């Protein structure tokens, strides 16, 4: 991925802050889903690791397991490196791979997490993911994924997310615009306030391939996999 291709190049500084509220809800679900993973079955693979919020959850959920974190975006990967290098419990276990799926994947995995990223995969790439899971996961292995809205190709808006840090307030919002029979474009807006004054802003756009829970189940069944919905937040556990 070149800098010009990086959909997060203009919004990366907001991703960590504005992802934290969602991870407060995702953390216990992912932790529970990974419970019982045997570190001897292979590494935990974090696909689309971002700044490492999920990488940290996975590493803590399975003590002793090696973790392979794939993240193609340079600014997000920089934060991922900083998070893992600063934590002695992670520095010896987490390998950061500067690539996007499906490159440089291990041949076997004890577990896989792919959080907040399935919509980045076009249908052929998604089918490649299911095929790799079928071959890489052992009998007791599992993958944890989540589906983000919209569940159908339609215009929609994301609820604004607000986070305060120091004397500033960071607000992210977005709207989805249909672009074809199976995809939308998310138009994201980020604003920074100090008091009531707008002091900075950024925008980003990225294509998002729409996938419903029903379609997920049908695709997985065709690949010899099954999905079980857990909790809220659109989280599914995939097993063979």
Foldseek 3Di string as FASTA:
>chain_A
DDCVPDLCNFPLVVCVQQCVVVCVVVLVVVLVLCAPQDLVQAAEEEAQCFLPPVVVSNCVSDPPHAYEYEHQDPSRVVNNCVVQVVDPSRVVRYDYDNDHPPPPDDQAYSEYEYEPPPQQDDVVSVLVVLLSCVRHYDQPYKYKYFADDDQAQDKDKDDKGWDDDDQKIKIKIWIWHGDDRFKTKIKMKIFMDRVNDTDDITIGIDMTGHHHPVNVQVSNVVSVKGWDDDDDRRMIMIGD
